[in-house]
Amino acid sequence: MSSSPPQREHGLLKIHRVLRPGFGTEAAVYGTILMSGLIAVSSAHGETSAVVLLTVGITVVVFWSAHVYAGTVARVGDEDESGHVIGVGTALRSSLGHSFGMLSSAAVPGAILLAGVTRVIPDDFANDLALWSGTVILALLGYIAFLRRGSSLIVRIVGAIGTACFGIVFVVLKALVH
């Protein structure tokens, strides 16, 4: 008996279907982990949220661009399902779609850091909240991944905790370095 998706969609499963084009992908998980690491290292020595946002923003765009470039190069010349050779334009569009999660993963922590830059929230709090937001996002991604597979509640919770541990590593790292 194979594991099939649940007949009745849970609320989070519906959310996952909406977020799937960019957020619920391996690129989003990788991007969130990258963001968390960058925020932890950038903010460990009391940098302002403006400096952290600038550092993280530039680094994420560079990593995302490299990911898109590598994906494009890897796809050019392959054959699609109908046997046609994939050109540069098609390879680029495919790579952009596949890599979008890496870029979109910066949205929530970036918005929190921007709130610190604009003094909507205190600077240090913005840095800490942005770091913790990555952990929460990772937990949500882990939970949704196991929900989508029809796993039991306990497996979904363990999956969420396991995924969140990648973010917690950076919270601990920042605490040790700070």
Protein backbone atom coordinates (compact mmCIF):
# COMPACT_ATOMS: atom_id res chain seq x y z
CA MET A 1 0.00 0.00 0.00
CA SER A 2 1.57 3.28 -1.08
CA SER A 3 1.39 6.48 0.88
CA SER A 4 -1.14 8.71 -0.83
CA PRO A 5 -2.05 12.30 0.00
CA PRO A 6 -4.86 12.68 2.52
CA GLN A 7 -8.36 12.80 1.08
CA ARG A 8 -9.38 15.82 3.12
CA GLU A 9 -6.98 18.74 2.88
CA HIS A 10 -5.79 20.21 6.14
CA GLY A 11 -5.45 23.99 6.37
CA LEU A 12 -1.66 23.80 6.26
CA LEU A 13 -1.76 21.55 3.22
CA LYS A 14 -3.84 24.20 1.42
CA ILE A 15 -1.29 26.82 2.48
CA HIS A 16 1.50 24.61 1.16
CA ARG A 17 -0.14 24.38 -2.27
CA VAL A 18 -0.27 28.18 -2.43
CA LEU A 19 3.33 28.58 -1.27
CA ARG A 20 4.75 25.69 -3.31
CA PRO A 21 5.84 27.64 -6.41
CA GLY A 22 8.72 29.24 -4.54
CA PHE A 23 8.50 28.76 -0.82
CA GLY A 24 7.93 25.05 -0.29
CA THR A 25 11.01 23.86 -2.17
CA GLU A 26 14.50 22.64 -1.35
CA ALA A 27 15.77 26.01 -2.60
CA ALA A 28 13.61 27.71 0.06
CA VAL A 29 15.01 25.48 2.80
CA TYR A 30 18.55 26.11 1.62
CA GLY A 31 17.88 29.85 1.29
CA THR A 32 16.40 30.04 4.79
CA ILE A 33 19.41 28.24 6.25
CA LEU A 34 21.72 30.57 4.31
CA MET A 35 19.81 33.63 5.60
CA SER A 36 19.99 32.38 9.18
CA GLY A 37 23.73 31.84 8.94
CA LEU A 38 24.30 35.24 7.40
CA ILE A 39 22.17 37.01 10.01
CA ALA A 40 23.92 35.16 12.85
CA VAL A 41 27.40 36.02 11.61
CA SER A 42 26.56 39.58 10.52
CA SER A 43 24.81 40.52 13.75
CA ALA A 44 27.08 38.69 16.19
CA HIS A 45 29.22 41.73 16.89
CA GLY A 46 26.49 44.28 17.48
CA GLU A 47 26.07 45.48 13.90
CA THR A 48 23.02 47.60 13.14
CA SER A 49 20.10 46.06 11.31
CA ALA A 50 20.99 48.27 8.33
CA VAL A 51 24.45 46.70 8.05
CA VAL A 52 23.00 43.21 8.56
CA LEU A 53 20.30 43.83 5.93
CA LEU A 54 22.84 45.12 3.40
CA THR A 55 25.25 42.24 4.02
CA VAL A 56 22.53 39.61 3.88
CA GLY A 57 20.81 41.17 0.88
CA ILE A 58 23.94 41.33 -1.25
CA THR A 59 25.05 37.82 -0.28
CA VAL A 60 21.65 36.25 -0.95
CA VAL A 61 21.42 37.91 -4.38
CA VAL A 62 24.92 36.66 -5.26
CA PHE A 63 24.14 33.09 -4.12
CA TRP A 64 20.77 33.16 -5.90
CA SER A 65 22.38 34.46 -9.11
CA ALA A 66 25.01 31.72 -8.93
CA HIS A 67 22.26 29.14 -8.38
CA VAL A 68 20.31 30.42 -11.41
CA TYR A 69 23.45 30.49 -13.54
CA ALA A 70 24.49 26.97 -12.52
CA GLY A 71 20.96 25.65 -13.15
CA THR A 72 20.86 27.29 -16.57
CA VAL A 73 24.24 25.90 -17.60
CA ALA A 74 23.26 22.44 -16.35
CA ARG A 75 20.02 22.41 -18.38
CA VAL A 76 21.24 23.87 -21.70
CA GLY A 77 21.58 21.14 -24.32
CA ASP A 78 19.52 18.57 -22.41
CA GLU A 79 16.42 17.16 -24.04
CA ASP A 80 12.93 17.95 -22.78
CA GLU A 81 10.10 15.37 -22.54
CA SER A 82 9.35 15.67 -26.25
CA GLY A 83 12.98 15.17 -27.29
CA HIS A 84 13.72 18.79 -28.19
CA VAL A 85 17.05 20.29 -27.18
CA ILE A 86 16.67 22.85 -24.41
CA GLY A 87 17.95 26.30 -25.38
CA VAL A 88 19.32 29.05 -23.16
CA GLY A 89 15.98 30.87 -22.75
CA THR A 90 14.09 27.76 -21.69
CA ALA A 91 16.92 26.68 -19.41
CA LEU A 92 17.03 30.13 -17.80
CA ARG A 93 13.25 30.21 -17.22
CA SER A 94 13.37 26.74 -15.69
CA SER A 95 16.29 27.67 -13.45
CA LEU A 96 14.59 30.89 -12.35
CA GLY A 97 11.47 28.96 -11.38
CA HIS A 98 13.46 26.30 -9.54
CA SER A 99 15.60 28.87 -7.69
CA PHE A 100 12.86 31.32 -6.70
CA GLY A 101 12.55 29.78 -3.24
CA MET A 102 16.11 30.78 -2.41
CA LEU A 103 15.30 34.41 -3.11
CA SER A 104 11.83 34.37 -1.55
CA SER A 105 13.23 32.87 1.65
CA ALA A 106 14.80 36.26 2.36
CA ALA A 107 11.44 38.06 2.44
CA VAL A 108 10.37 37.57 6.07
CA PRO A 109 13.79 38.04 7.71
CA GLY A 110 14.47 40.94 5.33
CA ALA A 111 11.20 42.63 6.28
CA ILE A 112 12.04 42.25 9.96
CA LEU A 113 15.51 43.74 9.41
CA LEU A 114 13.91 46.60 7.45
CA ALA A 115 11.65 47.24 10.45
CA GLY A 116 14.83 47.65 12.48
CA VAL A 117 16.39 49.95 9.89
CA THR A 118 13.31 52.20 9.93
CA ARG A 119 13.15 52.04 13.75
CA VAL A 120 9.70 50.43 13.79
CA ILE A 121 11.33 47.97 16.19
CA PRO A 122 14.64 48.33 18.08
CA ASP A 123 17.78 47.42 16.14
CA ASP A 124 19.03 44.55 18.33
CA PHE A 125 15.53 43.09 18.57
CA ALA A 126 15.19 43.20 14.77
CA ASN A 127 18.42 41.22 14.35
CA ASP A 128 17.36 38.61 16.91
CA LEU A 129 13.80 38.37 15.58
CA ALA A 130 15.04 37.99 12.00
CA LEU A 131 17.30 35.14 13.14
CA TRP A 132 14.51 33.40 15.03
CA SER A 133 12.12 33.89 12.09
CA GLY A 134 14.35 31.57 10.04
CA THR A 135 13.95 28.87 12.67
CA VAL A 136 10.17 29.27 12.65
CA ILE A 137 10.08 29.20 8.84
CA LEU A 138 12.21 26.04 8.79
CA ALA A 139 9.88 24.39 11.31
CA LEU A 140 6.89 25.29 9.15
CA LEU A 141 8.58 23.96 6.01
CA GLY A 142 9.43 20.69 7.77
CA TYR A 143 5.90 20.29 9.12
CA ILE A 144 4.33 20.98 5.73
CA ALA A 145 6.67 18.56 3.95
CA PHE A 146 5.54 15.70 6.19
CA LEU A 147 1.91 16.82 6.09
CA ARG A 148 2.02 16.68 2.30
CA ARG A 149 3.20 13.08 2.51
CA GLY A 150 0.28 12.14 4.76
CA SER A 151 2.46 11.50 7.82
CA SER A 152 1.00 11.20 11.30
CA LEU A 153 0.95 14.19 13.63
CA ILE A 154 3.93 12.93 15.63
CA VAL A 155 6.02 12.45 12.47
CA ARG A 156 5.07 15.96 11.28
CA ILE A 157 6.13 17.42 14.64
CA VAL A 158 9.42 15.50 14.65
CA GLY A 159 10.01 16.63 11.04
CA ALA A 160 9.34 20.25 12.03
CA ILE A 161 11.73 20.03 14.97
CA GLY A 162 14.41 18.36 12.85
CA THR A 163 14.18 21.03 10.18
CA ALA A 164 14.09 23.83 12.76
CA CYS A 165 17.32 22.51 14.28
CA PHE A 166 19.21 23.94 11.31
CA GLY A 167 18.05 27.41 12.40
CA ILE A 168 18.69 26.73 16.08
CA VAL A 169 22.33 25.95 15.26
CA PHE A 170 22.74 29.56 14.12
CA VAL A 171 20.92 30.96 17.16
CA VAL A 172 23.37 29.04 19.37
CA LEU A 173 26.32 30.11 17.19
CA LYS A 174 25.37 33.76 17.55
CA ALA A 175 25.01 33.36 21.31
CA LEU A 176 28.47 31.77 21.54
CA VAL A 177 30.15 34.36 19.33
CA HIS A 178 28.35 37.32 20.91
